[in-house]
Amino acid sequence: MDPLSALLAGAALHAGFQAVVTAVVYPALAAAAAAPGWARVHAAHSRRIAPVVAVVYASVLATWAWVLLVRPLTGWLVLAAAGSALAGLSTALVAAPVHARLGREGPRPALLRRLRRADGVRLAGALLGLAGAAGAVPA
């Protein structure tokens, strides 16, 4: 496999994962906020999703390292990089800290809203990364 195809595969994995989180995982987590046992539900969510997040983000980072080592940057790759960076930064700077606060403070509505907004940014970033990666692969 060449590095651009690997980048496309990693971006597709990331976008698919993020779409599932947005459409399925976070709505289920938000629905559990009103039920008793929030701390248990949130802890289980965090424990189960962490390895998946690690695999997805490691795949994206590894493919970017490969691409950057062997390919010159093009407009499509800059677009893909911007999307990947947007998703990664919104995860590291917003979503992860909000999850930590949800674990400590419980399902406060303001925290849940902030998490969903950050998630929307991550989904947009993942889709932007996928579009850029798709454009970067020669026809």
Protein backbone atom coordinates (compact mmCIF):
# COMPACT_ATOMS: atom_id res chain seq x y z
CA MET A 1 0.00 0.00 0.00
CA ASP A 2 1.27 3.47 -0.80
CA PRO A 3 1.21 6.29 1.79
CA LEU A 4 -1.67 8.21 0.19
CA SER A 5 -3.87 5.12 0.12
CA ALA A 6 -2.93 4.45 3.74
CA LEU A 7 -3.86 8.03 4.61
CA LEU A 8 -7.20 7.59 2.87
CA ALA A 9 -7.83 4.35 4.76
CA GLY A 10 -6.91 5.99 8.07
CA ALA A 11 -9.08 9.02 7.33
CA ALA A 12 -12.01 6.76 6.40
CA LEU A 13 -11.56 4.78 9.62
CA HIS A 14 -11.48 8.02 11.60
CA ALA A 15 -14.53 9.53 9.88
CA GLY A 16 -16.52 6.32 10.27
CA PHE A 17 -15.62 6.03 13.93
CA GLN A 18 -16.47 9.66 14.56
CA ALA A 19 -19.81 9.34 12.76
CA VAL A 20 -20.75 6.40 15.01
CA VAL A 21 -19.77 8.36 18.11
CA THR A 22 -21.85 11.33 16.95
CA ALA A 23 -24.93 9.38 15.81
CA VAL A 24 -25.00 6.52 18.31
CA VAL A 25 -22.60 6.71 21.24
CA TYR A 26 -23.11 10.25 22.49
CA PRO A 27 -26.90 10.23 22.13
CA ALA A 28 -26.98 7.04 24.21
CA LEU A 29 -24.65 8.58 26.77
CA ALA A 30 -26.80 11.73 26.95
CA ALA A 31 -29.93 9.59 27.41
CA ALA A 32 -28.24 7.85 30.34
CA ALA A 33 -27.65 11.21 32.02
CA ALA A 34 -31.20 11.27 33.35
CA ALA A 35 -31.05 7.71 34.68
CA PRO A 36 -29.63 6.55 37.97
CA GLY A 37 -26.16 5.06 37.77
CA TRP A 38 -24.61 7.78 35.60
CA ALA A 39 -21.17 7.34 37.15
CA ARG A 40 -21.17 3.62 36.31
CA VAL A 41 -22.41 4.23 32.75
CA HIS A 42 -19.89 6.99 32.07
CA ALA A 43 -17.02 4.97 33.55
CA ALA A 44 -17.96 1.98 31.39
CA HIS A 45 -18.17 4.20 28.31
CA SER A 46 -14.73 5.67 29.01
CA ARG A 47 -13.18 2.27 29.66
CA ARG A 48 -14.64 0.72 26.50
CA ILE A 49 -13.99 3.56 24.08
CA ALA A 50 -10.44 4.44 25.14
CA PRO A 51 -8.77 1.52 23.32
CA VAL A 52 -10.77 2.23 20.16
CA VAL A 53 -9.82 5.90 20.27
CA ALA A 54 -6.18 4.91 20.75
CA VAL A 55 -6.23 2.62 17.70
CA VAL A 56 -8.02 5.16 15.49
CA TYR A 57 -5.82 8.11 16.42
CA ALA A 58 -2.63 6.03 16.30
CA SER A 59 -3.58 4.90 12.80
CA VAL A 60 -4.16 8.47 11.67
CA LEU A 61 -0.90 9.67 13.22
CA ALA A 62 1.09 6.78 11.74
CA THR A 63 -0.24 7.39 8.25
CA TRP A 64 0.49 11.10 8.57
CA ALA A 65 4.05 10.36 9.64
CA TRP A 66 4.50 8.14 6.60
CA VAL A 67 2.98 10.68 4.21
CA LEU A 68 5.03 13.56 5.58
CA LEU A 69 8.23 11.55 5.32
CA VAL A 70 7.83 10.59 1.67
CA ARG A 71 5.43 12.98 -0.07
CA PRO A 72 5.48 16.71 -0.76
CA LEU A 73 2.54 18.64 0.60
CA THR A 74 -0.21 19.42 -1.87
CA GLY A 75 -3.35 21.47 -1.41
CA TRP A 76 -5.34 18.29 -0.80
CA LEU A 77 -2.90 17.14 1.86
CA VAL A 78 -3.03 20.51 3.58
CA LEU A 79 -6.83 20.23 3.65
CA ALA A 80 -6.58 16.69 5.03
CA ALA A 81 -4.04 17.79 7.63
CA ALA A 82 -6.25 20.67 8.73
CA GLY A 83 -9.15 18.27 9.23
CA SER A 84 -7.06 15.76 11.14
CA ALA A 85 -5.61 18.53 13.31
CA LEU A 86 -9.06 20.00 14.00
CA ALA A 87 -10.38 16.64 15.12
CA GLY A 88 -7.32 15.83 17.20
CA LEU A 89 -7.12 19.21 18.89
CA SER A 90 -10.83 19.32 19.71
CA THR A 91 -10.47 15.87 21.25
CA ALA A 92 -7.40 16.76 23.30
CA LEU A 93 -8.35 20.29 24.31
CA VAL A 94 -12.11 20.01 24.78
CA ALA A 95 -13.68 16.54 24.65
CA ALA A 96 -11.17 14.72 26.87
CA PRO A 97 -11.22 17.39 29.61
CA VAL A 98 -15.02 17.55 29.48
CA HIS A 99 -15.20 13.78 29.87
CA ALA A 100 -12.95 14.07 32.91
CA ARG A 101 -15.26 16.69 34.39
CA LEU A 102 -18.33 14.57 33.61
CA GLY A 103 -16.70 11.74 35.50
CA ARG A 104 -16.02 13.97 38.51
CA GLU A 105 -19.07 16.26 38.49
CA GLY A 106 -21.77 14.11 36.89
CA PRO A 107 -23.97 14.82 33.89
CA ARG A 108 -24.33 18.58 34.13
CA PRO A 109 -26.31 19.87 31.11
CA ALA A 110 -23.72 22.52 30.27
CA LEU A 111 -20.98 19.88 30.15
CA LEU A 112 -23.06 17.58 27.97
CA ARG A 113 -23.77 20.45 25.56
CA ARG A 114 -20.08 21.33 25.41
CA LEU A 115 -19.21 17.70 24.73
CA ARG A 116 -21.74 17.51 21.89
CA ARG A 117 -20.40 20.76 20.36
CA ALA A 118 -16.84 19.46 20.55
CA ASP A 119 -18.04 16.24 18.99
CA GLY A 120 -19.58 18.18 16.09
CA VAL A 121 -16.24 19.89 15.55
CA ARG A 122 -14.48 16.52 15.62
CA LEU A 123 -16.89 15.06 13.09
CA ALA A 124 -16.41 18.07 10.80
CA GLY A 125 -12.64 17.70 11.15
CA ALA A 126 -12.73 13.97 10.42
CA LEU A 127 -14.90 14.53 7.34
CA LEU A 128 -12.62 17.33 6.16
CA GLY A 129 -9.65 15.02 6.65
CA LEU A 130 -11.39 12.33 4.62
CA ALA A 131 -12.23 14.75 1.80
CA GLY A 132 -8.65 15.99 1.66
CA ALA A 133 -7.23 12.47 1.72
CA ALA A 134 -9.62 11.38 -1.03
CA GLY A 135 -8.57 14.34 -3.15
CA ALA A 136 -4.89 13.59 -2.58
CA VAL A 137 -5.09 10.05 -3.99
CA PRO A 138 -4.33 10.08 -7.72
CA ALA A 139 -7.22 9.01 -9.94
